[in-house]
Amino acid sequence: MQNVLVPGAVVLLTVVLWLRRKPVKPMLSSTDTSTVAQLNRAQLELVIEPSSPLSAVKDPFKGWTPPQTEQDRLVLQQRLRERMASGPDQRLEAVREAALWGHLSVLTLLKRALRDSDSRVVEAAAQAMEPFRRTPRRGPSQLVRPPRNVARMR
C-alpha cells in the first residue's frame, strides 16, 4: 500500500504546483516596436549612403588608347609596376588599366594582384584574367602507331 501512496503524493504535489505557477508574460508586451524600427532605419541611413548622379566618379580611362610603339609599351609597363607598388587605390587603377590593355605582358602583374590584400583589386584582377583563360588543349593521345609486337613489350 505504501508503494502506491508515495508516487501518488508526488504526482499530486506536482500537479498542484504546476497549477499555482505564475503565467508567463509575452516577451515584447512592454516594448514599443515602432521606436526599434525607427532606430534601425536611422542606423541604416548612416551606413548606406544613397548614390546621387552628381557624386558619380568620372572614368579615368575614358579616352584610353593602347600603346602604339615599343617605347610607349615600356612606359606603360613601368607605370603599371609603380602603381602596383603604391596604395590600394593605385593598385586598383593599375589592374583596370592592365585589363583595358589586355596584353600578355600584364599577366604576371594580374597574377600578383590575385594575391593582393584589397578585395577590390583581387576581384578586378580575376575579371581581367578572364580573357586569358581557356580550356587546355588536348593533343592526340597517340602520335605514332605502336609496333606490331606491342603485346610482347608489356
N, C-alpha and C. Protein backbone atom coordinates (compact mmCIF):
# COMPACT_ATOMS: atom_id res chain seq x y z
N MET A 1 0.82 -1.18 0.00
CA MET A 1 0.00 0.00 0.00
C MET A 1 0.87 1.26 0.00
N GLN A 2 1.99 1.22 0.73
CA GLN A 2 2.86 2.39 0.79
C GLN A 2 3.54 2.64 -0.55
N ASN A 3 3.72 1.58 -1.33
CA ASN A 3 4.34 1.74 -2.65
C ASN A 3 3.46 2.57 -3.58
N VAL A 4 2.18 2.63 -3.36
CA VAL A 4 1.26 3.38 -4.21
C VAL A 4 1.11 4.81 -3.68
N LEU A 5 1.19 5.03 -2.39
CA LEU A 5 0.95 6.34 -1.81
C LEU A 5 2.08 7.33 -2.12
N VAL A 6 3.29 6.91 -2.08
CA VAL A 6 4.42 7.84 -2.30
C VAL A 6 4.41 8.39 -3.73
N PRO A 7 4.33 7.56 -4.77
CA PRO A 7 4.29 8.14 -6.12
C PRO A 7 3.02 8.94 -6.35
N GLY A 8 1.91 8.54 -5.78
CA GLY A 8 0.66 9.30 -5.93
C GLY A 8 0.78 10.66 -5.29
N ALA A 9 1.43 10.75 -4.13
CA ALA A 9 1.61 12.04 -3.46
C ALA A 9 2.53 12.94 -4.28
N VAL A 10 3.54 12.36 -4.88
CA VAL A 10 4.46 13.15 -5.71
C VAL A 10 3.73 13.70 -6.93
N VAL A 11 2.93 12.89 -7.58
CA VAL A 11 2.17 13.35 -8.75
C VAL A 11 1.19 14.44 -8.35
N LEU A 12 0.48 14.25 -7.22
CA LEU A 12 -0.48 15.24 -6.74
C LEU A 12 0.21 16.55 -6.42
N LEU A 13 1.35 16.51 -5.74
CA LEU A 13 2.10 17.72 -5.41
C LEU A 13 2.59 18.42 -6.67
N THR A 14 3.03 17.68 -7.68
CA THR A 14 3.49 18.26 -8.95
C THR A 14 2.35 18.96 -9.67
N VAL A 15 1.17 18.37 -9.69
CA VAL A 15 0.00 18.97 -10.35
C VAL A 15 -0.41 20.25 -9.63
N VAL A 16 -0.40 20.24 -8.31
CA VAL A 16 -0.80 21.44 -7.55
C VAL A 16 0.19 22.56 -7.80
N LEU A 17 1.49 22.28 -7.77
CA LEU A 17 2.48 23.32 -8.01
C LEU A 17 2.43 23.83 -9.45
N TRP A 18 2.14 22.95 -10.37
CA TRP A 18 2.05 23.37 -11.77
C TRP A 18 0.85 24.28 -11.99
N LEU A 19 -0.25 24.03 -11.34
CA LEU A 19 -1.44 24.86 -11.49
C LEU A 19 -1.30 26.20 -10.79
N ARG A 20 -0.48 26.30 -9.75
CA ARG A 20 -0.35 27.55 -9.00
C ARG A 20 0.74 28.47 -9.54
N ARG A 21 1.47 28.06 -10.53
CA ARG A 21 2.58 28.90 -11.02
C ARG A 21 2.03 30.18 -11.66
N LYS A 22 2.91 31.19 -11.80
CA LYS A 22 2.51 32.48 -12.38
C LYS A 22 2.49 32.34 -13.90
N PRO A 23 1.56 33.02 -14.55
CA PRO A 23 1.54 32.96 -16.02
C PRO A 23 2.76 33.70 -16.60
N VAL A 24 3.29 33.17 -17.69
CA VAL A 24 4.46 33.75 -18.34
C VAL A 24 4.02 34.91 -19.21
N LYS A 25 4.67 36.07 -19.04
CA LYS A 25 4.34 37.24 -19.83
C LYS A 25 5.01 37.12 -21.20
N PRO A 26 4.34 37.63 -22.22
CA PRO A 26 4.98 37.65 -23.54
C PRO A 26 6.22 38.57 -23.50
N MET A 27 7.22 38.24 -24.30
CA MET A 27 8.49 38.95 -24.25
C MET A 27 8.35 40.41 -24.69
N LEU A 28 7.61 40.69 -25.74
CA LEU A 28 7.53 42.05 -26.28
C LEU A 28 6.25 42.78 -25.85
N SER A 29 5.69 42.44 -24.72
CA SER A 29 4.45 43.10 -24.33
C SER A 29 4.67 44.56 -23.97
N SER A 30 5.83 44.91 -23.41
CA SER A 30 6.05 46.28 -22.99
C SER A 30 6.94 47.06 -23.95
N THR A 31 7.50 46.43 -24.98
CA THR A 31 8.41 47.10 -25.90
C THR A 31 7.63 47.67 -27.07
N ASP A 32 7.88 48.91 -27.35
CA ASP A 32 7.25 49.56 -28.49
C ASP A 32 8.11 49.28 -29.71
N THR A 33 7.62 48.51 -30.65
CA THR A 33 8.43 48.09 -31.80
C THR A 33 8.62 49.21 -32.81
N SER A 34 7.77 50.21 -32.81
CA SER A 34 7.93 51.28 -33.79
C SER A 34 9.20 52.08 -33.51
N THR A 35 9.55 52.28 -32.25
CA THR A 35 10.79 53.01 -31.95
C THR A 35 12.02 52.18 -32.32
N VAL A 36 11.93 50.87 -32.15
CA VAL A 36 13.04 50.00 -32.53
C VAL A 36 13.23 50.04 -34.04
N ALA A 37 12.14 49.98 -34.79
CA ALA A 37 12.24 50.04 -36.25
C ALA A 37 12.78 51.39 -36.70
N GLN A 38 12.38 52.46 -36.05
CA GLN A 38 12.87 53.79 -36.41
C GLN A 38 14.37 53.89 -36.14
N LEU A 39 14.82 53.32 -35.05
CA LEU A 39 16.24 53.33 -34.73
C LEU A 39 17.03 52.52 -35.76
N ASN A 40 16.49 51.38 -36.17
CA ASN A 40 17.17 50.57 -37.20
C ASN A 40 17.28 51.33 -38.52
N ARG A 41 16.22 52.01 -38.91
CA ARG A 41 16.25 52.79 -40.16
C ARG A 41 17.28 53.91 -40.07
N ALA A 42 17.36 54.57 -38.92
CA ALA A 42 18.33 55.65 -38.75
C ALA A 42 19.75 55.12 -38.83
N GLN A 43 20.00 53.96 -38.26
CA GLN A 43 21.34 53.39 -38.33
C GLN A 43 21.68 52.94 -39.74
N LEU A 44 20.72 52.41 -40.46
CA LEU A 44 20.98 52.00 -41.85
C LEU A 44 21.27 53.20 -42.73
N GLU A 45 20.61 54.32 -42.49
CA GLU A 45 20.87 55.52 -43.28
C GLU A 45 22.28 56.03 -43.06
N LEU A 46 22.83 55.82 -41.87
CA LEU A 46 24.20 56.24 -41.61
C LEU A 46 25.20 55.36 -42.35
N VAL A 47 24.89 54.09 -42.49
CA VAL A 47 25.81 53.15 -43.13
C VAL A 47 25.68 53.19 -44.65
N ILE A 48 24.46 53.15 -45.14
CA ILE A 48 24.21 53.11 -46.58
C ILE A 48 23.92 54.51 -47.07
N GLU A 49 24.84 55.02 -47.88
CA GLU A 49 24.65 56.36 -48.42
C GLU A 49 23.96 56.24 -49.77
N PRO A 50 22.92 57.03 -50.00
CA PRO A 50 22.26 56.97 -51.30
C PRO A 50 23.18 57.54 -52.37
N SER A 51 23.20 56.89 -53.52
CA SER A 51 24.05 57.36 -54.61
C SER A 51 23.29 58.39 -55.43
N SER A 52 23.93 59.50 -55.63
CA SER A 52 23.32 60.56 -56.43
C SER A 52 24.08 60.67 -57.75
N PRO A 53 23.42 61.10 -58.80
CA PRO A 53 24.11 61.19 -60.09
C PRO A 53 25.21 62.25 -60.10
N LEU A 54 25.12 63.22 -59.23
CA LEU A 54 26.13 64.27 -59.19
C LEU A 54 27.43 63.77 -58.56
N SER A 55 27.33 62.80 -57.67
CA SER A 55 28.52 62.30 -56.99
C SER A 55 29.18 61.15 -57.74
N ALA A 56 28.75 60.86 -58.95
CA ALA A 56 29.33 59.76 -59.72
C ALA A 56 30.76 60.10 -60.09
N VAL A 57 31.66 59.13 -59.96
CA VAL A 57 33.06 59.34 -60.24
C VAL A 57 33.27 59.21 -61.74
N LYS A 58 34.04 60.13 -62.29
CA LYS A 58 34.33 60.09 -63.72
C LYS A 58 35.31 58.96 -64.00
N ASP A 59 35.15 58.32 -65.15
CA ASP A 59 36.02 57.21 -65.55
C ASP A 59 37.36 57.77 -66.00
N PRO A 60 38.46 57.43 -65.31
CA PRO A 60 39.76 57.98 -65.71
C PRO A 60 40.29 57.38 -67.01
N PHE A 61 39.74 56.25 -67.45
CA PHE A 61 40.22 55.58 -68.65
C PHE A 61 39.28 55.75 -69.83
N LYS A 62 38.53 56.85 -69.85
CA LYS A 62 37.53 57.04 -70.90
C LYS A 62 38.18 57.17 -72.28
N GLY A 63 39.22 57.95 -72.39
CA GLY A 63 39.88 58.15 -73.68
C GLY A 63 41.16 57.35 -73.81
N TRP A 64 41.26 56.21 -73.15
CA TRP A 64 42.48 55.43 -73.12
C TRP A 64 42.69 54.72 -74.44
N THR A 65 43.93 54.77 -74.93
CA THR A 65 44.28 54.03 -76.15
C THR A 65 45.48 53.15 -75.83
N PRO A 66 45.57 51.98 -76.44
CA PRO A 66 46.71 51.10 -76.17
C PRO A 66 47.99 51.70 -76.74
N PRO A 67 49.13 51.32 -76.21
CA PRO A 67 50.40 51.87 -76.70
C PRO A 67 50.65 51.45 -78.15
N GLN A 68 51.19 52.39 -78.92
CA GLN A 68 51.41 52.14 -80.35
C GLN A 68 52.84 51.70 -80.64
N THR A 69 53.79 52.27 -79.89
CA THR A 69 55.19 51.94 -80.15
C THR A 69 55.75 51.11 -79.00
N GLU A 70 56.95 50.60 -79.23
CA GLU A 70 57.62 49.81 -78.21
C GLU A 70 57.96 50.66 -76.99
N GLN A 71 58.33 51.91 -77.24
CA GLN A 71 58.65 52.81 -76.13
C GLN A 71 57.41 53.09 -75.28
N ASP A 72 56.27 53.29 -75.92
CA ASP A 72 55.02 53.51 -75.18
C ASP A 72 54.66 52.27 -74.34
N ARG A 73 54.92 51.11 -74.90
CA ARG A 73 54.63 49.88 -74.17
C ARG A 73 55.50 49.75 -72.92
N LEU A 74 56.77 50.08 -73.06
CA LEU A 74 57.68 50.02 -71.91
C LEU A 74 57.30 51.05 -70.85
N VAL A 75 56.89 52.24 -71.28
CA VAL A 75 56.48 53.28 -70.34
C VAL A 75 55.22 52.83 -69.59
N LEU A 76 54.29 52.23 -70.31
CA LEU A 76 53.06 51.75 -69.68
C LEU A 76 53.36 50.63 -68.67
N GLN A 77 54.23 49.71 -69.03
CA GLN A 77 54.58 48.64 -68.11
C GLN A 77 55.25 49.19 -66.85
N GLN A 78 56.13 50.17 -67.02
CA GLN A 78 56.78 50.77 -65.86
C GLN A 78 55.75 51.50 -64.98
N ARG A 79 54.82 52.20 -65.59
CA ARG A 79 53.79 52.91 -64.82
C ARG A 79 52.90 51.91 -64.07
N LEU A 80 52.57 50.79 -64.69
CA LEU A 80 51.76 49.78 -64.02
C LEU A 80 52.52 49.18 -62.83
N ARG A 81 53.83 48.92 -63.00
CA ARG A 81 54.62 48.39 -61.88
C ARG A 81 54.69 49.38 -60.73
N GLU A 82 54.83 50.66 -61.05
CA GLU A 82 54.89 51.68 -59.99
C GLU A 82 53.57 51.78 -59.24
N ARG A 83 52.47 51.70 -59.98
CA ARG A 83 51.15 51.76 -59.32
C ARG A 83 50.90 50.54 -58.46
N MET A 84 51.39 49.38 -58.90
CA MET A 84 51.20 48.17 -58.10
C MET A 84 52.01 48.23 -56.79
N ALA A 85 53.04 49.05 -56.74
CA ALA A 85 53.84 49.20 -55.53
C ALA A 85 53.26 50.27 -54.60
N SER A 86 52.22 50.97 -55.04
CA SER A 86 51.62 52.05 -54.25
C SER A 86 50.45 51.53 -53.42
N GLY A 87 49.55 52.44 -53.06
CA GLY A 87 48.41 52.12 -52.22
C GLY A 87 47.34 51.32 -52.94
N PRO A 88 46.27 50.94 -52.22
CA PRO A 88 45.23 50.08 -52.81
C PRO A 88 44.47 50.73 -53.96
N ASP A 89 44.23 52.04 -53.88
CA ASP A 89 43.51 52.70 -54.99
C ASP A 89 44.34 52.72 -56.26
N GLN A 90 45.65 52.97 -56.10
CA GLN A 90 46.53 52.97 -57.27
C GLN A 90 46.66 51.56 -57.84
N ARG A 91 46.70 50.54 -56.96
CA ARG A 91 46.77 49.16 -57.45
C ARG A 91 45.51 48.80 -58.23
N LEU A 92 44.36 49.27 -57.74
CA LEU A 92 43.10 49.01 -58.44
C LEU A 92 43.11 49.67 -59.82
N GLU A 93 43.60 50.91 -59.90
CA GLU A 93 43.69 51.59 -61.20
C GLU A 93 44.66 50.86 -62.13
N ALA A 94 45.76 50.35 -61.57
CA ALA A 94 46.72 49.63 -62.39
C ALA A 94 46.10 48.36 -62.96
N VAL A 95 45.34 47.66 -62.16
CA VAL A 95 44.71 46.42 -62.64
C VAL A 95 43.66 46.75 -63.70
N ARG A 96 42.91 47.81 -63.49
CA ARG A 96 41.90 48.20 -64.51
C ARG A 96 42.56 48.60 -65.81
N GLU A 97 43.67 49.34 -65.73
CA GLU A 97 44.37 49.74 -66.96
C GLU A 97 44.97 48.52 -67.64
N ALA A 98 45.49 47.58 -66.86
CA ALA A 98 46.03 46.36 -67.45
C ALA A 98 44.93 45.56 -68.14
N ALA A 99 43.73 45.57 -67.56
CA ALA A 99 42.61 44.88 -68.19
C ALA A 99 42.23 45.54 -69.50
N LEU A 100 42.29 46.86 -69.55
CA LEU A 100 42.00 47.56 -70.80
C LEU A 100 43.02 47.23 -71.88
N TRP A 101 44.28 47.14 -71.49
CA TRP A 101 45.32 46.84 -72.45
C TRP A 101 45.18 45.42 -72.97
N GLY A 102 45.05 44.45 -72.07
CA GLY A 102 44.80 43.07 -72.48
C GLY A 102 46.00 42.38 -73.12
N HIS A 103 47.19 42.85 -72.87
CA HIS A 103 48.40 42.27 -73.45
C HIS A 103 48.91 41.14 -72.57
N LEU A 104 49.62 40.18 -73.17
CA LEU A 104 50.15 39.05 -72.40
C LEU A 104 51.19 39.47 -71.37
N SER A 105 51.83 40.61 -71.59
CA SER A 105 52.88 41.05 -70.67
C SER A 105 52.32 41.47 -69.31
N VAL A 106 51.02 41.72 -69.20
CA VAL A 106 50.43 42.11 -67.91
C VAL A 106 49.95 40.90 -67.12
N LEU A 107 50.15 39.72 -67.66
CA LEU A 107 49.65 38.52 -66.98
C LEU A 107 50.35 38.30 -65.63
N THR A 108 51.63 38.56 -65.55
CA THR A 108 52.33 38.41 -64.27
C THR A 108 51.84 39.43 -63.25
N LEU A 109 51.56 40.63 -63.71
CA LEU A 109 51.02 41.66 -62.82
C LEU A 109 49.65 41.25 -62.30
N LEU A 110 48.82 40.68 -63.15
CA LEU A 110 47.48 40.26 -62.73
C LEU A 110 47.55 39.08 -61.78
N LYS A 111 48.50 38.17 -62.00
CA LYS A 111 48.65 37.04 -61.08
C LYS A 111 49.06 37.53 -59.70
N ARG A 112 49.93 38.54 -59.65
CA ARG A 112 50.33 39.10 -58.37
C ARG A 112 49.16 39.83 -57.71
N ALA A 113 48.31 40.45 -58.53
CA ALA A 113 47.15 41.17 -57.99
C ALA A 113 46.11 40.21 -57.42
N LEU A 114 46.11 38.96 -57.87
CA LEU A 114 45.17 37.98 -57.31
C LEU A 114 45.46 37.68 -55.84
N ARG A 115 46.68 37.93 -55.40
CA ARG A 115 47.05 37.68 -54.00
C ARG A 115 47.09 38.98 -53.19
N ASP A 116 46.47 40.03 -53.68
CA ASP A 116 46.50 41.33 -53.02
C ASP A 116 45.65 41.31 -51.75
N SER A 117 45.93 42.23 -50.84
CA SER A 117 45.18 42.30 -49.58
C SER A 117 43.83 43.00 -49.76
N ASP A 118 43.68 43.81 -50.79
CA ASP A 118 42.43 44.51 -51.04
C ASP A 118 41.53 43.64 -51.93
N SER A 119 40.31 43.40 -51.46
CA SER A 119 39.41 42.51 -52.21
C SER A 119 38.98 43.12 -53.53
N ARG A 120 38.92 44.44 -53.61
CA ARG A 120 38.54 45.08 -54.89
C ARG A 120 39.58 44.79 -55.96
N VAL A 121 40.85 44.81 -55.57
CA VAL A 121 41.93 44.55 -56.51
C VAL A 121 41.88 43.09 -56.97
N VAL A 122 41.59 42.20 -56.04
CA VAL A 122 41.53 40.77 -56.37
C VAL A 122 40.39 40.51 -57.35
N GLU A 123 39.22 41.12 -57.09
CA GLU A 123 38.08 40.93 -57.99
C GLU A 123 38.37 41.49 -59.37
N ALA A 124 38.96 42.67 -59.42
CA ALA A 124 39.29 43.28 -60.72
C ALA A 124 40.32 42.44 -61.47
N ALA A 125 41.29 41.88 -60.75
CA ALA A 125 42.30 41.04 -61.39
C ALA A 125 41.68 39.77 -61.94
N ALA A 126 40.75 39.19 -61.19
CA ALA A 126 40.10 37.97 -61.66
C ALA A 126 39.28 38.25 -62.92
N GLN A 127 38.61 39.38 -62.96
CA GLN A 127 37.85 39.73 -64.17
C GLN A 127 38.79 40.04 -65.33
N ALA A 128 39.94 40.65 -65.05
CA ALA A 128 40.89 40.98 -66.11
C ALA A 128 41.56 39.74 -66.68
N MET A 129 41.67 38.69 -65.89
CA MET A 129 42.30 37.46 -66.37
C MET A 129 41.35 36.58 -67.16
N GLU A 130 40.09 36.89 -67.13
CA GLU A 130 39.08 36.06 -67.80
C GLU A 130 39.38 35.87 -69.30
N PRO A 131 39.78 36.91 -70.05
CA PRO A 131 40.08 36.67 -71.48
C PRO A 131 41.28 35.75 -71.70
N PHE A 132 42.18 35.64 -70.72
CA PHE A 132 43.36 34.79 -70.86
C PHE A 132 43.06 33.33 -70.56
N ARG A 133 41.95 33.07 -69.92
CA ARG A 133 41.62 31.69 -69.55
C ARG A 133 41.03 30.97 -70.76
N ARG A 134 41.41 29.74 -70.90
CA ARG A 134 40.84 28.91 -71.96
C ARG A 134 40.97 27.46 -71.54
N THR A 135 40.25 26.63 -72.22
CA THR A 135 40.33 25.21 -71.91
C THR A 135 41.68 24.69 -72.37
N PRO A 136 42.29 23.82 -71.60
CA PRO A 136 43.60 23.31 -72.01
C PRO A 136 43.47 22.48 -73.28
N ARG A 137 44.46 22.63 -74.11
CA ARG A 137 44.45 21.87 -75.36
C ARG A 137 44.80 20.42 -75.06
N ARG A 138 44.07 19.58 -75.70
CA ARG A 138 44.32 18.15 -75.52
C ARG A 138 44.84 17.62 -76.84
N GLY A 139 46.09 17.25 -76.83
CA GLY A 139 46.71 16.74 -78.03
C GLY A 139 46.24 15.33 -78.32
N PRO A 140 46.58 14.84 -79.46
CA PRO A 140 46.21 13.46 -79.77
C PRO A 140 46.88 12.51 -78.79
N SER A 141 46.17 11.49 -78.40
CA SER A 141 46.68 10.59 -77.38
C SER A 141 47.86 9.76 -77.90
N GLN A 142 47.89 9.51 -79.20
CA GLN A 142 48.96 8.68 -79.74
C GLN A 142 49.34 9.24 -81.10
N LEU A 143 50.58 9.75 -81.19
CA LEU A 143 51.01 10.36 -82.44
C LEU A 143 51.50 9.33 -83.46
N VAL A 144 52.18 8.31 -82.97
CA VAL A 144 52.77 7.31 -83.86
C VAL A 144 52.12 5.96 -83.58
N ARG A 145 51.92 5.21 -84.62
CA ARG A 145 51.34 3.89 -84.47
C ARG A 145 52.31 2.99 -83.73
N PRO A 146 51.82 2.21 -82.73
CA PRO A 146 52.73 1.33 -81.99
C PRO A 146 53.22 0.19 -82.89
N PRO A 147 54.34 -0.38 -82.52
CA PRO A 147 54.85 -1.50 -83.33
C PRO A 147 53.90 -2.70 -83.26
N ARG A 148 54.08 -3.61 -84.21
CA ARG A 148 53.16 -4.75 -84.28
C ARG A 148 53.29 -5.67 -83.07
N ASN A 149 54.46 -5.75 -82.50
CA ASN A 149 54.64 -6.67 -81.38
C ASN A 149 54.54 -5.94 -80.02
N VAL A 150 53.64 -4.95 -79.91
CA VAL A 150 53.50 -4.19 -78.69
C VAL A 150 52.99 -5.06 -77.54
N ALA A 151 52.25 -6.12 -77.83
CA ALA A 151 51.77 -7.00 -76.79
C ALA A 151 52.91 -7.72 -76.11
N ARG A 152 53.98 -8.00 -76.84
CA ARG A 152 55.13 -8.68 -76.24
C ARG A 152 56.00 -7.74 -75.42
N MET A 153 55.85 -6.41 -75.65
CA MET A 153 56.69 -5.42 -74.96
C MET A 153 56.19 -5.14 -73.56
N ARG A 154 54.96 -5.44 -73.29
CA ARG A 154 54.40 -5.08 -71.99
C ARG A 154 54.30 -6.22 -71.06
